[in-house]
Amino acid sequence: MTKLLTLLISITICHNAIGQSVSRALQEKAYTQALKEFLTVTHKRDASVFDTLLVGRHPDFPAISLPARIGNTTILLCTTQQADSIRKQNEKLVFVNIVGTVTADDSQFLFVTFYPGYIHQYDCTIDLTRNPHTHAYQTTNVDFKNFAYR
């Protein structure tokens, strides 16, 4: 799994370096839409409901902001160290790392999900395509890979 995550991060960095650059606003819109989709599909999949979702601000995460809430879920963008501190108060909180590639036309995201603590549960890939006329994102693919999840 570590090799796959490293490969995806490397591809993302290379793609962004040689590909078209996109605005911070477009990145925020894509990441927010992907998070909405993630919350929706995980609920449909197994009735998961997240009161609070810890989103990892890792070195390859873009310099963007995320909304404080999506639906009924509080979104906390934090480093692993900040998540550790937050989890001391509530060990059941879910931590997710997101690796994404955003272009003007489409976006791909990998959600790597951990709980309890940092036990790798599952990965969820979400692909979005941006409508050239409305500029709204449409989900084109969702896929889960289970690990410790039951």
C-alpha atoms as a PDB file:
ATOM      1  CA  MET A   1       0.000   0.000   0.000  1.00  0.00           C
ATOM      2  CA  THR A   2       2.823   2.384   0.820  1.00  0.00           C
ATOM      3  CA  LYS A   3       4.295   1.802  -2.637  1.00  0.00           C
ATOM      4  CA  LEU A   4       0.941   2.572  -4.281  1.00  0.00           C
ATOM      5  CA  LEU A   5       0.508   5.772  -2.282  1.00  0.00           C
ATOM      6  CA  THR A   6       4.083   6.850  -3.096  1.00  0.00           C
ATOM      7  CA  LEU A   7       3.486   6.141  -6.788  1.00  0.00           C
ATOM      8  CA  LEU A   8       0.243   8.122  -6.806  1.00  0.00           C
ATOM      9  CA  ILE A   9       1.866  11.070  -5.051  1.00  0.00           C
ATOM     10  CA  SER A  10       4.768  10.979  -7.537  1.00  0.00           C
ATOM     11  CA  ILE A  11       2.381  10.868 -10.491  1.00  0.00           C
ATOM     12  CA  THR A  12       0.419  13.760  -9.023  1.00  0.00           C
ATOM     13  CA  ILE A  13       3.550  15.881  -8.567  1.00  0.00           C
ATOM     14  CA  CYS A  14       4.821  15.111 -12.074  1.00  0.00           C
ATOM     15  CA  HIS A  15       1.428  15.704 -13.660  1.00  0.00           C
ATOM     16  CA  ASN A  16       0.977  19.028 -11.910  1.00  0.00           C
ATOM     17  CA  ALA A  17       4.519  20.081 -12.813  1.00  0.00           C
ATOM     18  CA  ILE A  18       4.109  19.424 -16.543  1.00  0.00           C
ATOM     19  CA  GLY A  19       0.339  19.674 -16.900  1.00  0.00           C
ATOM     20  CA  GLN A  20      -1.884  22.668 -16.937  1.00  0.00           C
ATOM     21  CA  SER A  21      -2.036  24.596 -13.705  1.00  0.00           C
ATOM     22  CA  VAL A  22      -5.399  25.281 -12.149  1.00  0.00           C
ATOM     23  CA  SER A  23      -6.498  27.988  -9.791  1.00  0.00           C
ATOM     24  CA  ARG A  24      -6.776  27.548  -6.064  1.00  0.00           C
ATOM     25  CA  ALA A  25     -10.537  28.143  -6.359  1.00  0.00           C
ATOM     26  CA  LEU A  26     -10.882  25.276  -8.855  1.00  0.00           C
ATOM     27  CA  GLN A  27      -8.816  22.982  -6.622  1.00  0.00           C
ATOM     28  CA  GLU A  28     -11.001  23.869  -3.628  1.00  0.00           C
ATOM     29  CA  LYS A  29     -14.149  23.210  -5.660  1.00  0.00           C
ATOM     30  CA  ALA A  30     -12.868  19.818  -6.845  1.00  0.00           C
ATOM     31  CA  TYR A  31     -11.658  18.697  -3.406  1.00  0.00           C
ATOM     32  CA  THR A  32     -14.931  19.823  -1.809  1.00  0.00           C
ATOM     33  CA  GLN A  33     -16.989  17.945  -4.414  1.00  0.00           C
ATOM     34  CA  ALA A  34     -14.845  14.830  -3.957  1.00  0.00           C
ATOM     35  CA  LEU A  35     -15.322  15.024  -0.164  1.00  0.00           C
ATOM     36  CA  LYS A  36     -19.100  15.358  -0.626  1.00  0.00           C
ATOM     37  CA  GLU A  37     -19.059  12.318  -2.874  1.00  0.00           C
ATOM     38  CA  PHE A  38     -16.882  10.373  -0.410  1.00  0.00           C
ATOM     39  CA  LEU A  39     -19.338  11.064   2.434  1.00  0.00           C
ATOM     40  CA  THR A  40     -22.275  10.070   0.230  1.00  0.00           C
ATOM     41  CA  VAL A  41     -20.806   6.831  -1.130  1.00  0.00           C
ATOM     42  CA  THR A  42     -19.479   5.616   2.223  1.00  0.00           C
ATOM     43  CA  HIS A  43     -22.929   6.155   3.722  1.00  0.00           C
ATOM     44  CA  LYS A  44     -24.604   4.290   0.845  1.00  0.00           C
ATOM     45  CA  ARG A  45     -22.023   1.510   1.108  1.00  0.00           C
ATOM     46  CA  ASP A  46     -22.329   0.677   4.798  1.00  0.00           C
ATOM     47  CA  ALA A  47     -24.430   3.375   6.500  1.00  0.00           C
ATOM     48  CA  SER A  48     -21.312   5.181   7.789  1.00  0.00           C
ATOM     49  CA  VAL A  49     -22.052   8.621   9.175  1.00  0.00           C
ATOM     50  CA  PHE A  50     -19.183  10.846  10.228  1.00  0.00           C
ATOM     51  CA  ASP A  51     -19.842  13.512  12.839  1.00  0.00           C
ATOM     52  CA  THR A  52     -16.296  14.778  12.292  1.00  0.00           C
ATOM     53  CA  LEU A  53     -13.818  13.821   9.584  1.00  0.00           C
ATOM     54  CA  LEU A  54     -10.113  14.511  10.096  1.00  0.00           C
ATOM     55  CA  VAL A  55      -8.489  15.286   6.730  1.00  0.00           C
ATOM     56  CA  GLY A  56      -4.706  15.003   6.681  1.00  0.00           C
ATOM     57  CA  ARG A  57      -2.724  18.048   5.607  1.00  0.00           C
ATOM     58  CA  HIS A  58       0.301  16.112   4.354  1.00  0.00           C
ATOM     59  CA  PRO A  59       3.239  17.615   2.411  1.00  0.00           C
ATOM     60  CA  ASP A  60       1.605  16.938  -0.978  1.00  0.00           C
ATOM     61  CA  PHE A  61      -1.799  18.354  -0.022  1.00  0.00           C
ATOM     62  CA  PRO A  62      -2.447  21.573  -1.964  1.00  0.00           C
ATOM     63  CA  ALA A  63      -2.491  24.949  -0.209  1.00  0.00           C
ATOM     64  CA  ILE A  64      -6.282  25.160  -0.176  1.00  0.00           C
ATOM     65  CA  SER A  65      -9.066  25.609   2.338  1.00  0.00           C
ATOM     66  CA  LEU A  66     -11.961  23.245   2.814  1.00  0.00           C
ATOM     67  CA  PRO A  67     -15.409  24.093   4.153  1.00  0.00           C
ATOM     68  CA  ALA A  68     -15.827  23.694   7.913  1.00  0.00           C
ATOM     69  CA  ARG A  69     -18.891  21.516   7.298  1.00  0.00           C
ATOM     70  CA  ILE A  70     -20.172  19.357   4.488  1.00  0.00           C
ATOM     71  CA  GLY A  71     -23.751  18.354   5.205  1.00  0.00           C
ATOM     72  CA  ASN A  72     -23.817  17.277   8.846  1.00  0.00           C
ATOM     73  CA  THR A  73     -20.089  16.446   8.960  1.00  0.00           C
ATOM     74  CA  THR A  74     -17.480  18.738  10.470  1.00  0.00           C
ATOM     75  CA  ILE A  75     -14.329  18.795   8.333  1.00  0.00           C
ATOM     76  CA  LEU A  76     -11.052  19.364  10.182  1.00  0.00           C
ATOM     77  CA  LEU A  77      -8.017  19.841   7.952  1.00  0.00           C
ATOM     78  CA  CYS A  78      -5.056  18.975  10.175  1.00  0.00           C
ATOM     79  CA  THR A  79      -1.580  17.528  10.333  1.00  0.00           C
ATOM     80  CA  THR A  80      -1.017  14.069  11.806  1.00  0.00           C
ATOM     81  CA  GLN A  81       0.259  15.685  15.005  1.00  0.00           C
ATOM     82  CA  GLN A  82      -2.882  17.823  15.293  1.00  0.00           C
ATOM     83  CA  ALA A  83      -5.018  14.734  14.633  1.00  0.00           C
ATOM     84  CA  ASP A  84      -3.200  12.898  17.424  1.00  0.00           C
ATOM     85  CA  SER A  85      -4.097  15.686  19.835  1.00  0.00           C
ATOM     86  CA  ILE A  86      -7.740  15.745  18.700  1.00  0.00           C
ATOM     87  CA  ARG A  87      -7.989  11.959  18.913  1.00  0.00           C
ATOM     88  CA  LYS A  88      -6.923  12.019  22.563  1.00  0.00           C
ATOM     89  CA  GLN A  89     -10.375  13.444  23.251  1.00  0.00           C
ATOM     90  CA  ASN A  90     -12.210  11.115  20.847  1.00  0.00           C
ATOM     91  CA  GLU A  91     -10.400   7.960  19.706  1.00  0.00           C
ATOM     92  CA  LYS A  92     -13.176   6.961  17.293  1.00  0.00           C
ATOM     93  CA  LEU A  93     -12.643   9.821  14.853  1.00  0.00           C
ATOM     94  CA  VAL A  94     -11.855   8.805  11.284  1.00  0.00           C
ATOM     95  CA  PHE A  95      -8.665  10.139   9.658  1.00  0.00           C
ATOM     96  CA  VAL A  96      -8.396  10.283   5.882  1.00  0.00           C
ATOM     97  CA  ASN A  97      -5.504  11.256   3.623  1.00  0.00           C
ATOM     98  CA  ILE A  98      -6.507  12.563   0.218  1.00  0.00           C
ATOM     99  CA  VAL A  99      -4.247  12.472  -2.817  1.00  0.00           C
ATOM    100  CA  GLY A 100      -5.691  14.255  -5.812  1.00  0.00           C
ATOM    101  CA  THR A 101      -4.978  15.479  -9.307  1.00  0.00           C
ATOM    102  CA  VAL A 102      -7.072  18.388 -10.538  1.00  0.00           C
ATOM    103  CA  THR A 103      -7.124  19.674 -14.116  1.00  0.00           C
ATOM    104  CA  ALA A 104      -9.501  22.020 -15.889  1.00  0.00           C
ATOM    105  CA  ASP A 105     -11.401  19.030 -17.323  1.00  0.00           C
ATOM    106  CA  ASP A 106     -11.278  16.223 -14.791  1.00  0.00           C
ATOM    107  CA  SER A 107     -10.000  15.208 -11.377  1.00  0.00           C
ATOM    108  CA  GLN A 108      -8.964  11.974  -9.684  1.00  0.00           C
ATOM    109  CA  PHE A 109      -8.847  11.413  -5.928  1.00  0.00           C
ATOM    110  CA  LEU A 110      -7.652   8.659  -3.641  1.00  0.00           C
ATOM    111  CA  PHE A 111      -9.044   8.625  -0.090  1.00  0.00           C
ATOM    112  CA  VAL A 112      -6.925   6.516   2.275  1.00  0.00           C
ATOM    113  CA  THR A 113      -9.022   5.885   5.399  1.00  0.00           C
ATOM    114  CA  PHE A 114      -7.726   5.083   8.892  1.00  0.00           C
ATOM    115  CA  TYR A 115      -9.498   4.159  12.140  1.00  0.00           C
ATOM    116  CA  PRO A 116      -9.337   3.338  14.963  1.00  0.00           C
ATOM    117  CA  GLY A 117      -6.059   5.121  15.367  1.00  0.00           C
ATOM    118  CA  TYR A 118      -4.045   4.664  12.198  1.00  0.00           C
ATOM    119  CA  ILE A 119      -5.262   1.226  11.143  1.00  0.00           C
ATOM    120  CA  HIS A 120      -5.710   1.283   7.374  1.00  0.00           C
ATOM    121  CA  GLN A 121      -9.327   0.349   6.675  1.00  0.00           C
ATOM    122  CA  TYR A 122     -10.033   1.018   3.007  1.00  0.00           C
ATOM    123  CA  ASP A 123      -9.217   3.174   0.006  1.00  0.00           C
ATOM    124  CA  CYS A 124     -11.791   4.935  -2.094  1.00  0.00           C
ATOM    125  CA  THR A 125     -11.020   6.334  -5.538  1.00  0.00           C
ATOM    126  CA  ILE A 126     -13.291   8.998  -6.965  1.00  0.00           C
ATOM    127  CA  ASP A 127     -13.069  10.394 -10.492  1.00  0.00           C
ATOM    128  CA  LEU A 128     -14.814  13.624 -11.440  1.00  0.00           C
ATOM    129  CA  THR A 129     -15.389  15.252 -14.828  1.00  0.00           C
ATOM    130  CA  ARG A 130     -16.090  18.960 -15.130  1.00  0.00           C
ATOM    131  CA  ASN A 131     -18.927  20.019 -17.419  1.00  0.00           C
ATOM    132  CA  PRO A 132     -17.505  22.641 -19.800  1.00  0.00           C
ATOM    133  CA  HIS A 133     -20.814  24.542 -19.952  1.00  0.00           C
ATOM    134  CA  THR A 134     -21.989  24.529 -16.332  1.00  0.00           C
ATOM    135  CA  HIS A 135     -18.527  24.049 -14.739  1.00  0.00           C
ATOM    136  CA  ALA A 136     -20.154  21.597 -12.306  1.00  0.00           C
ATOM    137  CA  TYR A 137     -18.399  18.343 -11.461  1.00  0.00           C
ATOM    138  CA  GLN A 138     -19.986  14.992 -12.276  1.00  0.00           C
ATOM    139  CA  THR A 139     -18.840  11.771 -10.636  1.00  0.00           C
ATOM    140  CA  THR A 140     -17.678   9.325 -13.299  1.00  0.00           C
ATOM    141  CA  ASN A 141     -16.225   6.533 -11.157  1.00  0.00           C
ATOM    142  CA  VAL A 142     -16.114   5.352  -7.541  1.00  0.00           C
ATOM    143  CA  ASP A 143     -14.176   2.306  -6.372  1.00  0.00           C
ATOM    144  CA  PHE A 144     -13.418   0.822  -2.935  1.00  0.00           C
ATOM    145  CA  LYS A 145     -10.518  -1.396  -1.968  1.00  0.00           C
ATOM    146  CA  ASN A 146     -10.897  -3.034   1.430  1.00  0.00           C
ATOM    147  CA  PHE A 147      -8.069  -3.733   3.814  1.00  0.00           C
ATOM    148  CA  ALA A 148      -8.894  -4.182   7.515  1.00  0.00           C
ATOM    149  CA  TYR A 149     -12.491  -3.071   6.985  1.00  0.00           C
ATOM    150  CA  ARG A 150     -15.211  -5.640   7.712  1.00  0.00           C
END
